[in-house]
Amino acid sequence: MEVNIHQAKTHLSRLLQRVAGGEEITIARAGKPVARLISVTASPAVRPLGMDKGRFRVPEDFNAPLPPDLLAAFEGQAIPVAKAKPRSRRKA
């Protein structure tokens, strides 16, 4: 996880709780990493369940098929190009 300096100062106790749970936090200034918060314990503690409750909502269409172009990109295939409809020519 990456946070800016203001967020780090404002939420330090929350960030330290996450670090204690085994997460690594990067602190950035103007989008450039300048520091990293890591746990001093040798092995990470077990993260409490529900730590991020309410931070993410699974969309209704989560299991819906992907559009053909996105599916092709994930599978490393050439992206299919939609065929253009032929234009009708008008006589002047």
N, C-alpha and C. Protein backbone atom coordinates (compact mmCIF):
# COMPACT_ATOMS: atom_id res chain seq x y z
N MET A 1 0.85 -1.17 0.00
CA MET A 1 0.00 0.00 0.00
C MET A 1 0.89 1.23 0.00
N GLU A 2 0.47 2.26 -0.72
CA GLU A 2 1.23 3.51 -0.77
C GLU A 2 0.36 4.66 -0.30
N VAL A 3 0.90 5.51 0.57
CA VAL A 3 0.19 6.67 1.08
C VAL A 3 1.08 7.89 0.94
N ASN A 4 0.45 9.09 0.90
CA ASN A 4 1.26 10.30 0.88
C ASN A 4 1.59 10.70 2.32
N ILE A 5 2.47 11.68 2.48
CA ILE A 5 2.94 12.07 3.81
C ILE A 5 1.78 12.56 4.68
N HIS A 6 0.88 13.33 4.12
CA HIS A 6 -0.25 13.84 4.90
C HIS A 6 -1.10 12.68 5.43
N GLN A 7 -1.40 11.69 4.57
CA GLN A 7 -2.17 10.53 5.00
C GLN A 7 -1.43 9.76 6.10
N ALA A 8 -0.11 9.65 5.95
CA ALA A 8 0.69 8.92 6.94
C ALA A 8 0.62 9.62 8.30
N LYS A 9 0.71 10.95 8.32
CA LYS A 9 0.63 11.68 9.59
C LYS A 9 -0.76 11.57 10.19
N THR A 10 -1.78 11.67 9.35
CA THR A 10 -3.16 11.65 9.84
C THR A 10 -3.57 10.28 10.34
N HIS A 11 -3.12 9.23 9.70
CA HIS A 11 -3.58 7.87 10.01
C HIS A 11 -2.46 6.95 10.50
N LEU A 12 -1.48 7.52 11.18
CA LEU A 12 -0.31 6.72 11.58
C LEU A 12 -0.69 5.50 12.42
N SER A 13 -1.58 5.65 13.38
CA SER A 13 -1.92 4.50 14.23
C SER A 13 -2.59 3.39 13.42
N ARG A 14 -3.46 3.76 12.46
CA ARG A 14 -4.08 2.75 11.59
C ARG A 14 -3.04 2.06 10.72
N LEU A 15 -2.12 2.85 10.19
CA LEU A 15 -1.08 2.28 9.33
C LEU A 15 -0.20 1.33 10.13
N LEU A 16 0.14 1.71 11.37
CA LEU A 16 0.96 0.84 12.20
C LEU A 16 0.24 -0.47 12.53
N GLN A 17 -1.08 -0.40 12.68
CA GLN A 17 -1.86 -1.62 12.92
C GLN A 17 -1.76 -2.54 11.71
N ARG A 18 -1.84 -1.96 10.52
CA ARG A 18 -1.73 -2.77 9.29
C ARG A 18 -0.33 -3.36 9.16
N VAL A 19 0.69 -2.57 9.50
CA VAL A 19 2.08 -3.05 9.43
C VAL A 19 2.26 -4.20 10.42
N ALA A 20 1.68 -4.07 11.62
CA ALA A 20 1.77 -5.14 12.61
C ALA A 20 1.11 -6.41 12.09
N GLY A 21 0.13 -6.27 11.19
CA GLY A 21 -0.54 -7.41 10.60
C GLY A 21 0.22 -8.02 9.43
N GLY A 22 1.38 -7.47 9.12
CA GLY A 22 2.22 -8.05 8.06
C GLY A 22 2.24 -7.26 6.77
N GLU A 23 1.49 -6.17 6.71
CA GLU A 23 1.46 -5.37 5.48
C GLU A 23 2.67 -4.43 5.44
N GLU A 24 3.09 -4.09 4.25
CA GLU A 24 4.18 -3.14 4.05
C GLU A 24 3.59 -1.85 3.50
N ILE A 25 3.93 -0.71 4.09
CA ILE A 25 3.38 0.58 3.69
C ILE A 25 4.50 1.44 3.12
N THR A 26 4.29 2.01 1.95
CA THR A 26 5.25 2.93 1.35
C THR A 26 4.71 4.35 1.51
N ILE A 27 5.56 5.25 1.96
CA ILE A 27 5.19 6.66 2.11
C ILE A 27 5.84 7.43 0.97
N ALA A 28 5.02 8.22 0.28
CA ALA A 28 5.50 8.94 -0.90
C ALA A 28 5.34 10.45 -0.73
N ARG A 29 6.23 11.18 -1.36
CA ARG A 29 6.15 12.63 -1.43
C ARG A 29 6.04 12.97 -2.91
N ALA A 30 4.96 13.65 -3.27
CA ALA A 30 4.71 14.03 -4.66
C ALA A 30 4.73 12.81 -5.58
N GLY A 31 4.19 11.70 -5.07
CA GLY A 31 4.09 10.49 -5.87
C GLY A 31 5.35 9.65 -5.95
N LYS A 32 6.44 10.10 -5.30
CA LYS A 32 7.71 9.36 -5.34
C LYS A 32 7.96 8.74 -3.97
N PRO A 33 8.18 7.43 -3.92
CA PRO A 33 8.41 6.76 -2.63
C PRO A 33 9.64 7.34 -1.92
N VAL A 34 9.48 7.60 -0.60
CA VAL A 34 10.60 8.12 0.19
C VAL A 34 10.89 7.27 1.42
N ALA A 35 9.90 6.46 1.87
CA ALA A 35 10.11 5.65 3.07
C ALA A 35 9.20 4.43 3.01
N ARG A 36 9.55 3.41 3.82
CA ARG A 36 8.75 2.20 3.87
C ARG A 36 8.58 1.81 5.33
N LEU A 37 7.33 1.56 5.73
CA LEU A 37 7.03 1.05 7.07
C LEU A 37 6.93 -0.46 6.98
N ILE A 38 7.73 -1.14 7.78
CA ILE A 38 7.69 -2.60 7.82
C ILE A 38 7.70 -3.05 9.28
N SER A 39 7.23 -4.23 9.53
CA SER A 39 7.19 -4.77 10.88
C SER A 39 8.59 -5.16 11.34
N VAL A 40 8.85 -4.99 12.62
CA VAL A 40 10.16 -5.39 13.15
C VAL A 40 10.16 -6.85 13.60
N THR A 41 8.98 -7.48 13.63
CA THR A 41 8.92 -8.89 14.02
C THR A 41 9.41 -9.75 12.86
N ALA A 42 9.97 -10.89 13.20
CA ALA A 42 10.53 -11.78 12.18
C ALA A 42 9.44 -12.37 11.29
N SER A 43 8.31 -12.78 11.88
CA SER A 43 7.24 -13.34 11.08
C SER A 43 5.99 -12.48 11.26
N PRO A 44 5.28 -12.22 10.17
CA PRO A 44 4.10 -11.37 10.27
C PRO A 44 3.00 -12.01 11.11
N ALA A 45 2.30 -11.18 11.85
CA ALA A 45 1.18 -11.66 12.65
C ALA A 45 0.01 -11.99 11.73
N VAL A 46 -0.93 -12.76 12.23
CA VAL A 46 -2.13 -13.10 11.46
C VAL A 46 -3.00 -11.85 11.36
N ARG A 47 -3.43 -11.54 10.16
CA ARG A 47 -4.30 -10.37 9.97
C ARG A 47 -5.70 -10.66 10.50
N PRO A 48 -6.28 -9.70 11.21
CA PRO A 48 -7.64 -9.93 11.70
C PRO A 48 -8.64 -9.92 10.54
N LEU A 49 -9.61 -10.84 10.59
CA LEU A 49 -10.64 -10.89 9.55
C LEU A 49 -11.50 -9.64 9.62
N GLY A 50 -11.89 -9.14 8.47
CA GLY A 50 -12.76 -7.97 8.42
C GLY A 50 -12.02 -6.64 8.54
N MET A 51 -10.70 -6.66 8.46
CA MET A 51 -9.91 -5.45 8.62
C MET A 51 -10.27 -4.39 7.57
N ASP A 52 -10.65 -4.82 6.39
CA ASP A 52 -10.97 -3.89 5.31
C ASP A 52 -12.46 -3.88 4.98
N LYS A 53 -13.29 -4.25 5.94
CA LYS A 53 -14.73 -4.29 5.70
C LYS A 53 -15.23 -2.91 5.26
N GLY A 54 -16.03 -2.90 4.20
CA GLY A 54 -16.60 -1.66 3.69
C GLY A 54 -15.70 -0.90 2.73
N ARG A 55 -14.49 -1.38 2.48
CA ARG A 55 -13.57 -0.69 1.57
C ARG A 55 -13.76 -1.11 0.11
N PHE A 56 -14.46 -2.22 -0.10
CA PHE A 56 -14.64 -2.73 -1.46
C PHE A 56 -16.01 -3.36 -1.57
N ARG A 57 -16.66 -3.14 -2.69
CA ARG A 57 -17.95 -3.75 -2.97
C ARG A 57 -17.81 -4.57 -4.24
N VAL A 58 -18.22 -5.82 -4.18
CA VAL A 58 -18.16 -6.69 -5.36
C VAL A 58 -19.30 -6.29 -6.29
N PRO A 59 -18.99 -5.92 -7.53
CA PRO A 59 -20.03 -5.51 -8.47
C PRO A 59 -20.98 -6.65 -8.80
N GLU A 60 -22.22 -6.30 -9.15
CA GLU A 60 -23.23 -7.30 -9.50
C GLU A 60 -22.79 -8.16 -10.69
N ASP A 61 -22.07 -7.55 -11.65
CA ASP A 61 -21.67 -8.28 -12.85
C ASP A 61 -20.28 -8.92 -12.72
N PHE A 62 -19.86 -9.20 -11.50
CA PHE A 62 -18.52 -9.75 -11.25
C PHE A 62 -18.24 -11.01 -12.07
N ASN A 63 -19.21 -11.90 -12.15
CA ASN A 63 -19.02 -13.16 -12.87
C ASN A 63 -19.48 -13.11 -14.32
N ALA A 64 -19.86 -11.94 -14.81
CA ALA A 64 -20.31 -11.81 -16.19
C ALA A 64 -19.14 -12.04 -17.15
N PRO A 65 -19.41 -12.57 -18.33
CA PRO A 65 -18.33 -12.76 -19.31
C PRO A 65 -17.69 -11.43 -19.68
N LEU A 66 -16.40 -11.47 -19.94
CA LEU A 66 -15.68 -10.26 -20.35
C LEU A 66 -16.00 -9.93 -21.80
N PRO A 67 -15.92 -8.64 -22.16
CA PRO A 67 -16.07 -8.28 -23.57
C PRO A 67 -14.95 -8.96 -24.38
N PRO A 68 -15.20 -9.29 -25.64
CA PRO A 68 -14.23 -10.05 -26.45
C PRO A 68 -12.84 -9.40 -26.50
N ASP A 69 -12.76 -8.08 -26.62
CA ASP A 69 -11.45 -7.44 -26.71
C ASP A 69 -10.67 -7.56 -25.41
N LEU A 70 -11.33 -7.43 -24.27
CA LEU A 70 -10.67 -7.55 -22.97
C LEU A 70 -10.25 -9.00 -22.71
N LEU A 71 -11.11 -9.94 -23.05
CA LEU A 71 -10.78 -11.35 -22.90
C LEU A 71 -9.55 -11.71 -23.74
N ALA A 72 -9.51 -11.22 -24.97
CA ALA A 72 -8.37 -11.49 -25.85
C ALA A 72 -7.09 -10.91 -25.26
N ALA A 73 -7.17 -9.73 -24.67
CA ALA A 73 -5.98 -9.11 -24.08
C ALA A 73 -5.48 -9.94 -22.90
N PHE A 74 -6.38 -10.45 -22.06
CA PHE A 74 -5.98 -11.28 -20.92
C PHE A 74 -5.36 -12.59 -21.37
N GLU A 75 -5.84 -13.12 -22.48
CA GLU A 75 -5.33 -14.40 -22.97
C GLU A 75 -4.13 -14.23 -23.89
N GLY A 76 -3.67 -13.01 -24.10
CA GLY A 76 -2.50 -12.76 -24.93
C GLY A 76 -2.75 -12.95 -26.40
N GLN A 77 -3.99 -12.83 -26.81
CA GLN A 77 -4.34 -12.99 -28.21
C GLN A 77 -4.43 -11.62 -28.88
N ALA A 78 -4.47 -11.64 -30.18
CA ALA A 78 -4.66 -10.40 -30.92
C ALA A 78 -6.06 -9.88 -30.61
N ILE A 79 -6.18 -8.60 -30.44
CA ILE A 79 -7.47 -8.00 -30.12
C ILE A 79 -8.32 -7.95 -31.39
N PRO A 80 -9.51 -8.54 -31.33
CA PRO A 80 -10.36 -8.54 -32.54
C PRO A 80 -10.80 -7.13 -32.89
N VAL A 81 -10.78 -6.85 -34.18
CA VAL A 81 -11.18 -5.53 -34.65
C VAL A 81 -12.60 -5.64 -35.19
N ALA A 82 -13.46 -4.73 -34.74
CA ALA A 82 -14.85 -4.74 -35.20
C ALA A 82 -14.89 -4.37 -36.67
N LYS A 83 -15.69 -5.10 -37.43
CA LYS A 83 -15.80 -4.81 -38.85
C LYS A 83 -16.69 -3.59 -39.04
N ALA A 84 -16.19 -2.65 -39.83
CA ALA A 84 -16.97 -1.44 -40.11
C ALA A 84 -18.01 -1.75 -41.17
N LYS A 85 -19.16 -1.12 -41.01
CA LYS A 85 -20.21 -1.30 -42.01
C LYS A 85 -19.82 -0.51 -43.25
N PRO A 86 -20.04 -1.10 -44.43
CA PRO A 86 -19.69 -0.36 -45.65
C PRO A 86 -20.60 0.87 -45.81
N ARG A 87 -19.98 1.95 -46.22
CA ARG A 87 -20.75 3.18 -46.42
C ARG A 87 -21.47 3.14 -47.76
N SER A 88 -22.66 3.66 -47.75
CA SER A 88 -23.36 3.74 -49.06
C SER A 88 -22.87 5.00 -49.76
N ARG A 89 -22.67 4.84 -51.05
CA ARG A 89 -22.19 5.99 -51.84
C ARG A 89 -23.37 6.69 -52.49
N ARG A 90 -23.36 7.96 -52.29
CA ARG A 90 -24.43 8.75 -52.93
C ARG A 90 -23.94 9.27 -54.27
N LYS A 91 -24.86 9.28 -55.22
CA LYS A 91 -24.52 9.86 -56.51
C LYS A 91 -24.96 11.30 -56.50
N ALA A 92 -24.08 12.17 -56.94
CA ALA A 92 -24.39 13.61 -56.92
C ALA A 92 -25.07 14.07 -58.17
